[in-house]
Amino acid sequence: MRLLAVDDDPLILDLLPVVFRQADFPQISVASSGGAALEMLNDPDVEFDCLMLDIEMPQMNGIALCERIRQLPRYRNTPILMLTSVTDHTRIERAFAAGANDYISKPFDVKEIANRVRIAQRMTEVVADPARLNALEMPTHTSAGLHHFDIADPIGLANLPQLILPFSLGNYLSQLSRGRIDACQVFAVQVEEIETLYTNCNSHEFAVALSRVAEAVVEVADYSRMLMAYQGDGIFVCITQGDQLPDWPEIENRIQDVLRDSAPVFDDGRAMTLGVSVGNPVTPFASRTQRVKKTFERAIERAAARTKFKRVHGMLEPASERV
């Protein structure tokens, strides 16, 4: 595994090769600035498997560099770990929104930094390249139900910085300190009748539907600290900090109002009616080893239970009215 570390601190650049040799990652290159890193990344004869970027650097900070890197086709999915000693957690969330997959806090613990890199390595081995949909660039008026992705696949949506990959969202949650967990809420949003939507929409229309739902969630629930991921099967998992979210089920009503006002349409101009079920929020588990799996499962179960309740009580619009 070939690594590239970018940091303006010469002591860190001297330390990292030693640390990674001890951790059996001897192939590491270093760069002292964002500009120098981009030159190395644009070298057609060299390709890196994992990148580590210091958040605080002059001229081009790590977040800006991360955004630039994600524009390079070869590095669209390469794991990016942020190196940070900052206490401003908003920057960490901005780094994830810019395309980072994980972060490592300074001062470094040799075992921890090696563990985070191994997690990044597993990401490249087991996480498939997700479909990335951009409703503004996709062809319209294509055949319904013929998609290059499965209904259960996680999907990336363009122009939504709060929306990151599920693997990255899990890394973010697993790294939260106990103090930040106490101020954290995790909730899931279920797009209702997703099977009918998937079957009767073409890929452009499906991208429009998911994007509008994500935009509505952001408009209602984003207080500059939210990150979210589309898990597949119509499920968005959202993590937010603080206690400023609207009361449940008011948040569901407000998201539904935004969807109604935004009036998404099918390619032939017909109105697209979208319904959502929002589960009550959960507090993440304290244990790091169980935190992500159990927290996400509980949040998704609550959204599914909300959908079931609405179906039993006739609160869902008939699927025939959706397409």
C-alpha atoms as a PDB file:
ATOM      1  CA  MET A   1       0.000   0.000   0.000  1.00  0.00           C
ATOM      2  CA  ARG A   2       1.566   3.259  -1.130  1.00  0.00           C
ATOM      3  CA  LEU A   3       0.879   6.271   1.112  1.00  0.00           C
ATOM      4  CA  LEU A   4       1.213  10.022   0.622  1.00  0.00           C
ATOM      5  CA  ALA A   5       1.293  12.317   3.650  1.00  0.00           C
ATOM      6  CA  VAL A   6       0.918  16.088   3.276  1.00  0.00           C
ATOM      7  CA  ASP A   7       1.903  18.372   6.165  1.00  0.00           C
ATOM      8  CA  ASP A   8       3.690  21.697   6.433  1.00  0.00           C
ATOM      9  CA  ASP A   9       5.430  20.664   9.685  1.00  0.00           C
ATOM     10  CA  PRO A  10       8.900  19.209   8.895  1.00  0.00           C
ATOM     11  CA  LEU A  11       8.918  17.335  12.204  1.00  0.00           C
ATOM     12  CA  ILE A  12       5.726  15.513  11.237  1.00  0.00           C
ATOM     13  CA  LEU A  13       7.130  14.714   7.798  1.00  0.00           C
ATOM     14  CA  ASP A  14      10.212  13.216   9.457  1.00  0.00           C
ATOM     15  CA  LEU A  15       8.135  11.311  11.982  1.00  0.00           C
ATOM     16  CA  LEU A  16       5.542   9.715   9.707  1.00  0.00           C
ATOM     17  CA  PRO A  17       7.940   7.500   7.689  1.00  0.00           C
ATOM     18  CA  VAL A  18       9.332   6.151  10.968  1.00  0.00           C
ATOM     19  CA  VAL A  19       5.854   5.524  12.352  1.00  0.00           C
ATOM     20  CA  PHE A  20       4.669   3.732   9.249  1.00  0.00           C
ATOM     21  CA  ARG A  21       7.786   1.610   8.909  1.00  0.00           C
ATOM     22  CA  GLN A  22       7.113   0.387  12.446  1.00  0.00           C
ATOM     23  CA  ALA A  23       3.549  -0.390  11.373  1.00  0.00           C
ATOM     24  CA  ASP A  24       4.708  -2.345   8.277  1.00  0.00           C
ATOM     25  CA  PHE A  25       3.732   0.399   5.813  1.00  0.00           C
ATOM     26  CA  PRO A  26       7.168   1.259   4.390  1.00  0.00           C
ATOM     27  CA  GLN A  27       5.965   2.797   1.113  1.00  0.00           C
ATOM     28  CA  ILE A  28       5.284   6.369   2.136  1.00  0.00           C
ATOM     29  CA  SER A  29       6.006   9.630   0.343  1.00  0.00           C
ATOM     30  CA  VAL A  30       5.657  13.099   1.861  1.00  0.00           C
ATOM     31  CA  ALA A  31       4.800  16.585   0.599  1.00  0.00           C
ATOM     32  CA  SER A  32       5.104  19.858   2.493  1.00  0.00           C
ATOM     33  CA  SER A  33       2.267  21.735   0.774  1.00  0.00           C
ATOM     34  CA  GLY A  34      -0.942  21.277  -1.154  1.00  0.00           C
ATOM     35  CA  GLY A  35       0.713  22.448  -4.369  1.00  0.00           C
ATOM     36  CA  ALA A  36       3.542  19.943  -4.026  1.00  0.00           C
ATOM     37  CA  ALA A  37       1.033  17.185  -3.309  1.00  0.00           C
ATOM     38  CA  LEU A  38      -0.993  17.971  -6.427  1.00  0.00           C
ATOM     39  CA  GLU A  39       2.151  17.780  -8.552  1.00  0.00           C
ATOM     40  CA  MET A  40       2.840  14.298  -7.192  1.00  0.00           C
ATOM     41  CA  LEU A  41      -0.754  13.210  -7.632  1.00  0.00           C
ATOM     42  CA  ASN A  42      -0.744  14.364 -11.258  1.00  0.00           C
ATOM     43  CA  ASP A  43       2.353  12.295 -12.063  1.00  0.00           C
ATOM     44  CA  PRO A  44       1.050   9.587 -14.446  1.00  0.00           C
ATOM     45  CA  ASP A  45       3.796   7.188 -13.395  1.00  0.00           C
ATOM     46  CA  VAL A  46       2.908   7.194  -9.696  1.00  0.00           C
ATOM     47  CA  GLU A  47      -0.345   6.277  -7.988  1.00  0.00           C
ATOM     48  CA  PHE A  48      -1.052   6.327  -4.270  1.00  0.00           C
ATOM     49  CA  ASP A  49      -3.424   3.997  -2.418  1.00  0.00           C
ATOM     50  CA  CYS A  50      -4.098   6.203   0.610  1.00  0.00           C
ATOM     51  CA  LEU A  51      -3.666   9.928   1.342  1.00  0.00           C
ATOM     52  CA  MET A  52      -3.164  11.741   4.649  1.00  0.00           C
ATOM     53  CA  LEU A  53      -3.726  15.495   4.657  1.00  0.00           C
ATOM     54  CA  ASP A  54      -3.080  17.934   7.463  1.00  0.00           C
ATOM     55  CA  ILE A  55      -6.107  20.165   7.930  1.00  0.00           C
ATOM     56  CA  GLU A  56      -4.152  23.254   8.995  1.00  0.00           C
ATOM     57  CA  MET A  57      -1.705  24.324   6.287  1.00  0.00           C
ATOM     58  CA  PRO A  58      -0.928  27.765   4.840  1.00  0.00           C
ATOM     59  CA  GLN A  59      -1.965  28.817   1.319  1.00  0.00           C
ATOM     60  CA  MET A  60      -4.006  25.663   0.657  1.00  0.00           C
ATOM     61  CA  ASN A  61      -5.396  23.943   3.733  1.00  0.00           C
ATOM     62  CA  GLY A  62      -6.194  20.263   3.871  1.00  0.00           C
ATOM     63  CA  ILE A  63      -9.914  20.726   3.258  1.00  0.00           C
ATOM     64  CA  ALA A  64      -9.327  22.714   0.068  1.00  0.00           C
ATOM     65  CA  LEU A  65      -6.712  20.171  -1.013  1.00  0.00           C
ATOM     66  CA  CYS A  66      -9.170  17.343  -0.385  1.00  0.00           C
ATOM     67  CA  GLU A  67     -11.723  19.030  -2.648  1.00  0.00           C
ATOM     68  CA  ARG A  68      -9.097  19.411  -5.386  1.00  0.00           C
ATOM     69  CA  ILE A  69      -8.061  15.779  -5.091  1.00  0.00           C
ATOM     70  CA  ARG A  70     -11.630  14.545  -5.442  1.00  0.00           C
ATOM     71  CA  GLN A  71     -11.749  16.291  -8.817  1.00  0.00           C
ATOM     72  CA  LEU A  72      -8.942  14.033 -10.096  1.00  0.00           C
ATOM     73  CA  PRO A  73     -10.492  10.944 -11.739  1.00  0.00           C
ATOM     74  CA  ARG A  74      -7.765   8.602 -10.448  1.00  0.00           C
ATOM     75  CA  TYR A  75      -8.378   9.680  -6.873  1.00  0.00           C
ATOM     76  CA  ARG A  76     -12.148   9.962  -6.801  1.00  0.00           C
ATOM     77  CA  ASN A  77     -12.415   6.977  -4.428  1.00  0.00           C
ATOM     78  CA  THR A  78      -8.945   6.812  -2.877  1.00  0.00           C
ATOM     79  CA  PRO A  79      -9.132   6.810   0.951  1.00  0.00           C
ATOM     80  CA  ILE A  80      -8.294  10.221   2.418  1.00  0.00           C
ATOM     81  CA  LEU A  81      -7.459  10.572   6.107  1.00  0.00           C
ATOM     82  CA  MET A  82      -7.214  14.001   7.668  1.00  0.00           C
ATOM     83  CA  LEU A  83      -4.450  14.769  10.169  1.00  0.00           C
ATOM     84  CA  THR A  84      -5.731  17.182  12.772  1.00  0.00           C
ATOM     85  CA  SER A  85      -4.929  18.695  16.115  1.00  0.00           C
ATOM     86  CA  VAL A  86      -7.744  21.217  15.882  1.00  0.00           C
ATOM     87  CA  THR A  87     -10.439  21.418  18.523  1.00  0.00           C
ATOM     88  CA  ASP A  88     -12.822  23.122  16.090  1.00  0.00           C
ATOM     89  CA  HIS A  89     -14.923  20.072  15.229  1.00  0.00           C
ATOM     90  CA  THR A  90     -16.776  21.981  12.543  1.00  0.00           C
ATOM     91  CA  ARG A  91     -13.612  21.709  10.437  1.00  0.00           C
ATOM     92  CA  ILE A  92     -13.679  17.952  10.758  1.00  0.00           C
ATOM     93  CA  GLU A  93     -17.248  17.854   9.481  1.00  0.00           C
ATOM     94  CA  ARG A  94     -16.251  20.189   6.628  1.00  0.00           C
ATOM     95  CA  ALA A  95     -13.404  17.820   5.785  1.00  0.00           C
ATOM     96  CA  PHE A  96     -15.806  14.877   5.527  1.00  0.00           C
ATOM     97  CA  ALA A  97     -18.116  16.993   3.370  1.00  0.00           C
ATOM     98  CA  ALA A  98     -15.121  17.755   1.129  1.00  0.00           C
ATOM     99  CA  GLY A  99     -14.512  14.044   0.561  1.00  0.00           C
ATOM    100  CA  ALA A 100     -12.443  12.808   3.505  1.00  0.00           C
ATOM    101  CA  ASN A 101     -13.086   9.264   4.722  1.00  0.00           C
ATOM    102  CA  ASP A 102     -11.551   9.369   8.192  1.00  0.00           C
ATOM    103  CA  TYR A 103      -9.324  11.412  10.491  1.00  0.00           C
ATOM    104  CA  ILE A 104      -6.387  10.943  12.847  1.00  0.00           C
ATOM    105  CA  SER A 105      -5.776  13.204  15.835  1.00  0.00           C
ATOM    106  CA  LYS A 106      -2.401  14.601  16.802  1.00  0.00           C
ATOM    107  CA  PRO A 107      -0.306  13.673  18.722  1.00  0.00           C
ATOM    108  CA  PHE A 108      -0.189  10.336  16.941  1.00  0.00           C
ATOM    109  CA  ASP A 109      -0.469   6.993  18.637  1.00  0.00           C
ATOM    110  CA  VAL A 110       1.429   4.457  16.509  1.00  0.00           C
ATOM    111  CA  LYS A 111      -1.145   1.721  16.971  1.00  0.00           C
ATOM    112  CA  GLU A 112      -4.076   4.017  16.298  1.00  0.00           C
ATOM    113  CA  ILE A 113      -2.631   5.565  13.135  1.00  0.00           C
ATOM    114  CA  ALA A 114      -1.784   2.109  11.785  1.00  0.00           C
ATOM    115  CA  ASN A 115      -5.299   0.931  12.635  1.00  0.00           C
ATOM    116  CA  ARG A 116      -6.927   3.826  10.770  1.00  0.00           C
ATOM    117  CA  VAL A 117      -4.796   3.127   7.687  1.00  0.00           C
ATOM    118  CA  ARG A 118      -5.715  -0.565   7.801  1.00  0.00           C
ATOM    119  CA  ILE A 119      -9.377   0.434   7.982  1.00  0.00           C
ATOM    120  CA  ALA A 120      -8.799   2.574   4.887  1.00  0.00           C
ATOM    121  CA  GLN A 121      -7.140  -0.377   3.199  1.00  0.00           C
ATOM    122  CA  ARG A 122     -10.173  -2.550   3.936  1.00  0.00           C
ATOM    123  CA  MET A 123     -12.358   0.127   2.394  1.00  0.00           C
ATOM    124  CA  THR A 124     -10.534  -0.221  -0.907  1.00  0.00           C
ATOM    125  CA  GLU A 125     -10.836  -4.006  -0.764  1.00  0.00           C
ATOM    126  CA  VAL A 126     -14.446  -4.521   0.276  1.00  0.00           C
ATOM    127  CA  VAL A 127     -16.344  -1.323  -0.622  1.00  0.00           C
ATOM    128  CA  ALA A 128     -17.411  -1.264  -4.254  1.00  0.00           C
ATOM    129  CA  ASP A 129     -17.231   1.921  -6.277  1.00  0.00           C
ATOM    130  CA  PRO A 130     -20.634   3.483  -5.513  1.00  0.00           C
ATOM    131  CA  ALA A 131     -22.888   4.836  -8.204  1.00  0.00           C
ATOM    132  CA  ARG A 132     -22.704   8.637  -8.365  1.00  0.00           C
ATOM    133  CA  LEU A 133     -25.761  10.372  -9.731  1.00  0.00           C
ATOM    134  CA  ASN A 134     -25.907  13.938 -10.979  1.00  0.00           C
ATOM    135  CA  ALA A 135     -29.442  14.792 -12.015  1.00  0.00           C
ATOM    136  CA  LEU A 136     -28.210  17.872 -13.896  1.00  0.00           C
ATOM    137  CA  GLU A 137     -25.973  15.841 -16.197  1.00  0.00           C
ATOM    138  CA  MET A 138     -27.913  12.601 -16.675  1.00  0.00           C
ATOM    139  CA  PRO A 139     -29.872  11.804 -19.851  1.00  0.00           C
ATOM    140  CA  THR A 140     -33.644  12.199 -19.602  1.00  0.00           C
ATOM    141  CA  HIS A 141     -36.540  10.293 -21.157  1.00  0.00           C
ATOM    142  CA  THR A 142     -34.762   6.934 -20.895  1.00  0.00           C
ATOM    143  CA  SER A 143     -36.471   3.630 -20.090  1.00  0.00           C
ATOM    144  CA  ALA A 144     -37.952   3.193 -16.646  1.00  0.00           C
ATOM    145  CA  GLY A 145     -36.524   0.519 -14.390  1.00  0.00           C
ATOM    146  CA  LEU A 146     -33.264   0.102 -16.323  1.00  0.00           C
ATOM    147  CA  HIS A 147     -30.630   1.230 -13.838  1.00  0.00           C
ATOM    148  CA  HIS A 148     -26.905   0.570 -13.570  1.00  0.00           C
ATOM    149  CA  PHE A 149     -27.292   0.252  -9.803  1.00  0.00           C
ATOM    150  CA  ASP A 150     -29.411  -1.944  -7.549  1.00  0.00           C
ATOM    151  CA  ILE A 151     -32.129  -0.591  -5.296  1.00  0.00           C
ATOM    152  CA  ALA A 152     -30.087  -1.668  -2.253  1.00  0.00           C
ATOM    153  CA  ASP A 153     -26.880   0.059  -3.384  1.00  0.00           C
ATOM    154  CA  PRO A 154     -25.530   3.113  -1.563  1.00  0.00           C
ATOM    155  CA  ILE A 155     -25.453   6.069  -3.946  1.00  0.00           C
ATOM    156  CA  GLY A 156     -23.541   9.323  -4.083  1.00  0.00           C
ATOM    157  CA  LEU A 157     -25.503  12.411  -5.130  1.00  0.00           C
ATOM    158  CA  ALA A 158     -23.839  15.436  -6.697  1.00  0.00           C
ATOM    159  CA  ASN A 159     -23.932  18.938  -5.208  1.00  0.00           C
ATOM    160  CA  LEU A 160     -24.850  17.790  -1.706  1.00  0.00           C
ATOM    161  CA  PRO A 161     -21.785  18.334   0.498  1.00  0.00           C
ATOM    162  CA  GLN A 162     -23.525  16.965   3.602  1.00  0.00           C
ATOM    163  CA  LEU A 163     -24.034  13.619   1.834  1.00  0.00           C
ATOM    164  CA  ILE A 164     -21.044  11.290   2.231  1.00  0.00           C
ATOM    165  CA  LEU A 165     -20.505   7.551   1.793  1.00  0.00           C
ATOM    166  CA  PRO A 166     -21.837   5.175   4.481  1.00  0.00           C
ATOM    167  CA  PHE A 167     -18.304   3.912   5.196  1.00  0.00           C
ATOM    168  CA  SER A 168     -17.119   7.459   5.852  1.00  0.00           C
ATOM    169  CA  LEU A 169     -20.159   8.265   7.987  1.00  0.00           C
ATOM    170  CA  GLY A 170     -19.387   5.210  10.088  1.00  0.00           C
ATOM    171  CA  ASN A 171     -15.774   6.327  10.538  1.00  0.00           C
ATOM    172  CA  TYR A 172     -16.941   9.770  11.612  1.00  0.00           C
ATOM    173  CA  LEU A 173     -19.307   8.309  14.204  1.00  0.00           C
ATOM    174  CA  SER A 174     -16.758   5.818  15.521  1.00  0.00           C
ATOM    175  CA  GLN A 175     -14.226   8.585  16.197  1.00  0.00           C
ATOM    176  CA  LEU A 176     -16.500  10.853  18.228  1.00  0.00           C
ATOM    177  CA  SER A 177     -15.403  11.450  21.806  1.00  0.00           C
ATOM    178  CA  ARG A 178     -17.709  10.610  24.694  1.00  0.00           C
ATOM    179  CA  GLY A 179     -18.422  14.290  25.219  1.00  0.00           C
ATOM    180  CA  ARG A 180     -19.482  14.764  21.606  1.00  0.00           C
ATOM    181  CA  ILE A 181     -21.613  11.612  21.637  1.00  0.00           C
ATOM    182  CA  ASP A 182     -23.742  13.113  24.409  1.00  0.00           C
ATOM    183  CA  ALA A 183     -24.557  16.031  22.075  1.00  0.00           C
ATOM    184  CA  CYS A 184     -25.093  13.814  19.017  1.00  0.00           C
ATOM    185  CA  GLN A 185     -28.342  12.606  17.465  1.00  0.00           C
ATOM    186  CA  VAL A 186     -28.665   9.952  14.775  1.00  0.00           C
ATOM    187  CA  PHE A 187     -31.877   9.524  12.815  1.00  0.00           C
ATOM    188  CA  ALA A 188     -32.983   7.835   9.604  1.00  0.00           C
ATOM    189  CA  VAL A 189     -35.284   8.999   6.837  1.00  0.00           C
ATOM    190  CA  GLN A 190     -37.122   6.386   4.768  1.00  0.00           C
ATOM    191  CA  VAL A 191     -38.359   7.295   1.278  1.00  0.00           C
ATOM    192  CA  GLU A 192     -41.774   5.657   1.169  1.00  0.00           C
ATOM    193  CA  GLU A 193     -42.730   3.274  -1.644  1.00  0.00           C
ATOM    194  CA  ILE A 194     -39.112   3.159  -2.797  1.00  0.00           C
ATOM    195  CA  GLU A 195     -39.645  -0.118  -4.703  1.00  0.00           C
ATOM    196  CA  THR A 196     -42.382   1.450  -6.836  1.00  0.00           C
ATOM    197  CA  LEU A 197     -40.259   4.534  -7.391  1.00  0.00           C
ATOM    198  CA  TYR A 198     -37.237   2.449  -8.447  1.00  0.00           C
ATOM    199  CA  THR A 199     -39.294   0.298 -10.816  1.00  0.00           C
ATOM    200  CA  ASN A 200     -41.266   3.094 -12.460  1.00  0.00           C
ATOM    201  CA  CYS A 201     -38.558   5.774 -12.702  1.00  0.00           C
ATOM    202  CA  ASN A 202     -35.634   5.999 -15.055  1.00  0.00           C
ATOM    203  CA  SER A 203     -32.243   6.711 -13.499  1.00  0.00           C
ATOM    204  CA  HIS A 204     -32.528  10.470 -14.006  1.00  0.00           C
ATOM    205  CA  GLU A 205     -35.934  10.585 -12.312  1.00  0.00           C
ATOM    206  CA  PHE A 206     -34.655   8.394  -9.466  1.00  0.00           C
ATOM    207  CA  ALA A 207     -31.708  10.754  -9.003  1.00  0.00           C
ATOM    208  CA  VAL A 208     -34.113  13.726  -8.930  1.00  0.00           C
ATOM    209  CA  ALA A 209     -36.240  12.010  -6.289  1.00  0.00           C
ATOM    210  CA  LEU A 210     -33.331  11.110  -3.995  1.00  0.00           C
ATOM    211  CA  SER A 211     -31.724  14.523  -4.422  1.00  0.00           C
ATOM    212  CA  ARG A 212     -34.931  16.358  -3.559  1.00  0.00           C
ATOM    213  CA  VAL A 213     -35.420  14.251  -0.442  1.00  0.00           C
ATOM    214  CA  ALA A 214     -31.806  14.854   0.654  1.00  0.00           C
ATOM    215  CA  GLU A 215     -32.149  18.590  -0.028  1.00  0.00           C
ATOM    216  CA  ALA A 216     -35.362  18.719   2.005  1.00  0.00           C
ATOM    217  CA  VAL A 217     -33.704  16.951   4.950  1.00  0.00           C
ATOM    218  CA  VAL A 218     -30.785  19.376   4.791  1.00  0.00           C
ATOM    219  CA  GLU A 219     -33.102  22.397   4.637  1.00  0.00           C
ATOM    220  CA  VAL A 220     -35.092  21.279   7.665  1.00  0.00           C
ATOM    221  CA  ALA A 221     -32.487  19.583   9.857  1.00  0.00           C
ATOM    222  CA  ASP A 222     -29.073  21.025   8.928  1.00  0.00           C
ATOM    223  CA  TYR A 223     -27.536  23.393  11.439  1.00  0.00           C
ATOM    224  CA  SER A 224     -24.094  23.388   9.747  1.00  0.00           C
ATOM    225  CA  ARG A 225     -23.125  20.289  11.739  1.00  0.00           C
ATOM    226  CA  MET A 226     -25.023  17.524   9.930  1.00  0.00           C
ATOM    227  CA  LEU A 227     -23.575  14.698   7.865  1.00  0.00           C
ATOM    228  CA  MET A 228     -25.671  12.052   6.125  1.00  0.00           C
ATOM    229  CA  ALA A 229     -25.338   8.983   3.900  1.00  0.00           C
ATOM    230  CA  TYR A 230     -27.668   7.194   1.529  1.00  0.00           C
ATOM    231  CA  GLN A 231     -27.590   3.533   2.573  1.00  0.00           C
ATOM    232  CA  GLY A 232     -29.719   2.180  -0.268  1.00  0.00           C
ATOM    233  CA  ASP A 233     -33.331   0.924  -0.162  1.00  0.00           C
ATOM    234  CA  GLY A 234     -34.558   4.494   0.250  1.00  0.00           C
ATOM    235  CA  ILE A 235     -32.778   5.021   3.594  1.00  0.00           C
ATOM    236  CA  PHE A 236     -30.827   8.133   4.561  1.00  0.00           C
ATOM    237  CA  VAL A 237     -28.928   7.997   7.864  1.00  0.00           C
ATOM    238  CA  CYS A 238     -28.202  11.419   9.382  1.00  0.00           C
ATOM    239  CA  ILE A 239     -25.898  12.537  12.202  1.00  0.00           C
ATOM    240  CA  THR A 240     -26.225  15.963  13.746  1.00  0.00           C
ATOM    241  CA  GLN A 241     -24.721  17.743  16.731  1.00  0.00           C
ATOM    242  CA  GLY A 242     -26.575  19.792  19.306  1.00  0.00           C
ATOM    243  CA  ASP A 243     -30.184  19.977  20.434  1.00  0.00           C
ATOM    244  CA  GLN A 244     -31.640  22.305  17.835  1.00  0.00           C
ATOM    245  CA  LEU A 245     -33.560  19.774  15.753  1.00  0.00           C
ATOM    246  CA  PRO A 246     -37.338  20.225  15.498  1.00  0.00           C
ATOM    247  CA  ASP A 247     -39.512  17.974  17.624  1.00  0.00           C
ATOM    248  CA  TRP A 248     -40.629  14.634  16.219  1.00  0.00           C
ATOM    249  CA  PRO A 249     -42.891  14.171  14.285  1.00  0.00           C
ATOM    250  CA  GLU A 250     -42.733  17.868  13.387  1.00  0.00           C
ATOM    251  CA  ILE A 251     -39.497  17.296  11.496  1.00  0.00           C
ATOM    252  CA  GLU A 252     -41.269  14.795   9.220  1.00  0.00           C
ATOM    253  CA  ASN A 253     -44.084  17.257   8.555  1.00  0.00           C
ATOM    254  CA  ARG A 254     -41.623  20.019   7.690  1.00  0.00           C
ATOM    255  CA  ILE A 255     -39.632  17.794   5.325  1.00  0.00           C
ATOM    256  CA  GLN A 256     -42.893  16.766   3.673  1.00  0.00           C
ATOM    257  CA  ASP A 257     -43.869  20.437   3.271  1.00  0.00           C
ATOM    258  CA  VAL A 258     -40.535  21.229   1.595  1.00  0.00           C
ATOM    259  CA  LEU A 259     -40.972  18.287  -0.784  1.00  0.00           C
ATOM    260  CA  ARG A 260     -44.459  19.443  -1.647  1.00  0.00           C
ATOM    261  CA  ASP A 261     -43.307  23.011  -2.281  1.00  0.00           C
ATOM    262  CA  SER A 262     -40.279  21.960  -4.361  1.00  0.00           C
ATOM    263  CA  ALA A 263     -42.591  20.130  -6.792  1.00  0.00           C
ATOM    264  CA  PRO A 264     -40.197  17.607  -8.390  1.00  0.00           C
ATOM    265  CA  VAL A 265     -41.418  16.251 -11.733  1.00  0.00           C
ATOM    266  CA  PHE A 266     -40.941  13.237 -13.940  1.00  0.00           C
ATOM    267  CA  ASP A 267     -39.265  13.701 -17.313  1.00  0.00           C
ATOM    268  CA  ASP A 268     -42.651  13.990 -19.014  1.00  0.00           C
ATOM    269  CA  GLY A 269     -43.668  16.855 -16.731  1.00  0.00           C
ATOM    270  CA  ARG A 270     -46.008  14.970 -14.389  1.00  0.00           C
ATOM    271  CA  ALA A 271     -45.764  15.914 -10.729  1.00  0.00           C
ATOM    272  CA  MET A 272     -43.762  13.545  -8.542  1.00  0.00           C
ATOM    273  CA  THR A 273     -45.260  12.960  -5.100  1.00  0.00           C
ATOM    274  CA  LEU A 274     -42.666  11.884  -2.546  1.00  0.00           C
ATOM    275  CA  GLY A 275     -43.389  10.688   0.953  1.00  0.00           C
ATOM    276  CA  VAL A 276     -40.944  10.193   3.816  1.00  0.00           C
ATOM    277  CA  SER A 277     -41.003   8.551   7.216  1.00  0.00           C
ATOM    278  CA  VAL A 278     -38.625   9.953   9.819  1.00  0.00           C
ATOM    279  CA  GLY A 279     -37.680   7.815  12.791  1.00  0.00           C
ATOM    280  CA  ASN A 280     -37.157   9.218  16.272  1.00  0.00           C
ATOM    281  CA  PRO A 281     -33.497  10.038  16.929  1.00  0.00           C
ATOM    282  CA  VAL A 282     -31.155   7.759  18.856  1.00  0.00           C
ATOM    283  CA  THR A 283     -28.068   8.519  20.927  1.00  0.00           C
ATOM    284  CA  PRO A 284     -24.998   6.623  19.683  1.00  0.00           C
ATOM    285  CA  PHE A 285     -23.707   3.681  21.688  1.00  0.00           C
ATOM    286  CA  ALA A 286     -20.723   4.520  23.860  1.00  0.00           C
ATOM    287  CA  SER A 287     -18.699   1.448  22.829  1.00  0.00           C
ATOM    288  CA  ARG A 288     -16.624   2.153  19.728  1.00  0.00           C
ATOM    289  CA  THR A 289     -16.658  -1.478  18.620  1.00  0.00           C
ATOM    290  CA  GLN A 290     -20.470  -1.640  18.532  1.00  0.00           C
ATOM    291  CA  ARG A 291     -21.290   2.010  18.025  1.00  0.00           C
ATOM    292  CA  VAL A 292     -21.733   2.243  14.270  1.00  0.00           C
ATOM    293  CA  LYS A 293     -23.548  -1.018  13.583  1.00  0.00           C
ATOM    294  CA  LYS A 294     -25.950  -0.849  16.525  1.00  0.00           C
ATOM    295  CA  THR A 295     -26.619   2.877  16.256  1.00  0.00           C
ATOM    296  CA  PHE A 296     -27.366   2.772  12.537  1.00  0.00           C
ATOM    297  CA  GLU A 297     -29.511  -0.338  12.926  1.00  0.00           C
ATOM    298  CA  ARG A 298     -31.608   1.279  15.671  1.00  0.00           C
ATOM    299  CA  ALA A 299     -32.085   4.462  13.663  1.00  0.00           C
ATOM    300  CA  ILE A 300     -33.126   2.537  10.541  1.00  0.00           C
ATOM    301  CA  GLU A 301     -35.492   0.313  12.544  1.00  0.00           C
ATOM    302  CA  ARG A 302     -37.244   3.409  13.903  1.00  0.00           C
ATOM    303  CA  ALA A 303     -37.771   4.837  10.425  1.00  0.00           C
ATOM    304  CA  ALA A 304     -39.072   1.464   9.205  1.00  0.00           C
ATOM    305  CA  ALA A 305     -41.431   1.282  12.194  1.00  0.00           C
ATOM    306  CA  ARG A 306     -42.737   4.744  11.340  1.00  0.00           C
ATOM    307  CA  THR A 307     -43.418   3.645   7.743  1.00  0.00           C
ATOM    308  CA  LYS A 308     -45.198   0.527   8.999  1.00  0.00           C
ATOM    309  CA  PHE A 309     -47.343   2.601  11.374  1.00  0.00           C
ATOM    310  CA  LYS A 310     -48.366   4.956   8.576  1.00  0.00           C
ATOM    311  CA  ARG A 311     -49.184   2.045   6.266  1.00  0.00           C
ATOM    312  CA  VAL A 312     -51.323   0.286   8.890  1.00  0.00           C
ATOM    313  CA  HIS A 313     -53.239   3.492   9.598  1.00  0.00           C
ATOM    314  CA  GLY A 314     -53.730   4.410   5.944  1.00  0.00           C
ATOM    315  CA  MET A 315     -51.407   7.395   6.103  1.00  0.00           C
ATOM    316  CA  LEU A 316     -49.360   6.464   3.015  1.00  0.00           C
ATOM    317  CA  GLU A 317     -50.468   7.762  -0.359  1.00  0.00           C
ATOM    318  CA  PRO A 318     -51.323   4.961  -2.802  1.00  0.00           C
ATOM    319  CA  ALA A 319     -48.363   3.950  -4.922  1.00  0.00           C
ATOM    320  CA  SER A 320     -50.388   4.509  -8.083  1.00  0.00           C
ATOM    321  CA  GLU A 321     -50.436   8.232  -7.311  1.00  0.00           C
ATOM    322  CA  ARG A 322     -46.665   8.383  -7.145  1.00  0.00           C
ATOM    323  CA  VAL A 323     -45.898   7.401 -10.740  1.00  0.00           C
END
